[in-house]
């Protein structure tokens, strides 16, 4: 899967920064450079687990080309194990 563009609403970006201390720049850089692994959650909603400087989990809507970020947070232990297994 390749995300051609990544969008994030300002209120989602603010929440992710405030609650999880993840900047938009770190998020986009991790998805582009961190070798993300993608998993289907339901229909058009996906989970990406990526590792660049730290493990991040990103939940997003995907329409076949573009990703709209719904949330992002530091990965839990089970997500890190799933990333390393795949």
Protein backbone atom coordinates (compact mmCIF):
# COMPACT_ATOMS: atom_id res chain seq x y z
CA UNK A 1 0.00 0.00 0.00
CA UNK A 2 1.29 3.45 -0.89
CA UNK A 3 -0.26 6.63 0.45
CA UNK A 4 -0.07 9.30 -2.25
CA UNK A 5 -1.23 12.03 0.09
CA UNK A 6 -1.88 12.28 3.80
CA UNK A 7 -4.34 14.77 5.26
CA UNK A 8 -5.10 15.63 8.83
CA UNK A 9 -7.80 17.94 10.14
CA UNK A 10 -6.50 20.78 12.37
CA UNK A 11 -8.50 19.60 15.40
CA UNK A 12 -7.16 16.02 15.01
CA UNK A 13 -3.62 17.34 14.63
CA UNK A 14 -4.02 19.41 17.81
CA UNK A 15 -5.44 16.44 19.76
CA UNK A 16 -2.63 14.12 18.67
CA UNK A 17 -0.02 16.71 19.63
CA UNK A 18 -1.63 17.53 22.99
CA UNK A 19 -2.54 13.99 24.04
CA UNK A 20 0.22 11.89 22.44
CA UNK A 21 3.00 14.43 21.75
CA UNK A 22 3.24 13.52 18.07
CA UNK A 23 3.77 16.38 15.62
CA UNK A 24 2.36 16.37 12.11
CA UNK A 25 5.91 16.40 10.73
CA UNK A 26 6.92 13.32 12.76
CA UNK A 27 3.76 11.52 11.71
CA UNK A 28 4.18 12.20 8.00
CA UNK A 29 7.91 11.45 8.09
CA UNK A 30 7.29 8.14 9.91
CA UNK A 31 4.66 7.09 7.34
CA UNK A 32 6.88 8.02 4.40
CA UNK A 33 10.27 6.83 5.68
CA UNK A 34 9.55 4.38 8.51
CA UNK A 35 8.55 1.31 6.47
CA UNK A 36 4.96 1.18 7.74
CA UNK A 37 3.01 -2.05 7.79
CA UNK A 38 -0.71 -1.79 7.08
CA UNK A 39 -3.61 -3.76 8.52
CA UNK A 40 -7.32 -3.54 7.66
CA UNK A 41 -9.55 -2.68 10.60
CA UNK A 42 -12.82 -2.45 8.67
CA UNK A 43 -13.93 -1.50 5.16
CA UNK A 44 -11.88 1.67 4.40
CA UNK A 45 -10.30 2.10 7.85
CA UNK A 46 -6.70 0.96 8.23
CA UNK A 47 -4.06 0.78 10.93
CA UNK A 48 -0.44 1.51 10.08
CA UNK A 49 2.31 0.57 12.48
CA UNK A 50 5.60 2.23 11.69
CA UNK A 51 9.01 2.69 13.23
CA UNK A 52 11.42 5.50 12.58
CA UNK A 53 12.49 7.12 15.85
CA UNK A 54 9.82 5.36 17.89
CA UNK A 55 6.98 2.97 17.12
CA UNK A 56 3.79 4.77 16.10
CA UNK A 57 0.33 3.46 15.35
CA UNK A 58 -1.79 5.48 12.93
CA UNK A 59 -5.49 4.92 12.25
CA UNK A 60 -6.73 6.39 8.98
CA UNK A 61 -9.41 6.32 6.29
CA UNK A 62 -8.09 5.16 2.92
CA UNK A 63 -9.83 5.73 -0.40
CA UNK A 64 -7.42 3.86 -2.65
CA UNK A 65 -4.82 6.64 -2.89
CA UNK A 66 -5.20 9.09 -0.02
CA UNK A 67 -5.11 8.72 3.73
CA UNK A 68 -7.10 10.86 6.15
CA UNK A 69 -5.63 10.53 9.65
CA UNK A 70 -8.17 9.74 12.36
CA UNK A 71 -5.74 9.31 15.26
CA UNK A 72 -2.14 8.41 16.03
CA UNK A 73 -0.37 7.31 19.19
CA UNK A 74 2.72 5.52 20.44
CA UNK A 75 2.41 1.80 19.74
CA UNK A 76 1.60 -0.65 22.52
CA UNK A 77 3.61 -3.82 23.16
CA UNK A 78 1.25 -6.05 21.15
CA UNK A 79 1.40 -3.65 18.20
CA UNK A 80 5.20 -3.63 18.28
CA UNK A 81 5.22 -7.46 18.32
CA UNK A 82 2.79 -7.50 15.37
CA UNK A 83 5.00 -5.07 13.46
CA UNK A 84 8.10 -7.17 14.08
CA UNK A 85 6.33 -10.43 13.10
CA UNK A 86 5.11 -9.11 9.73
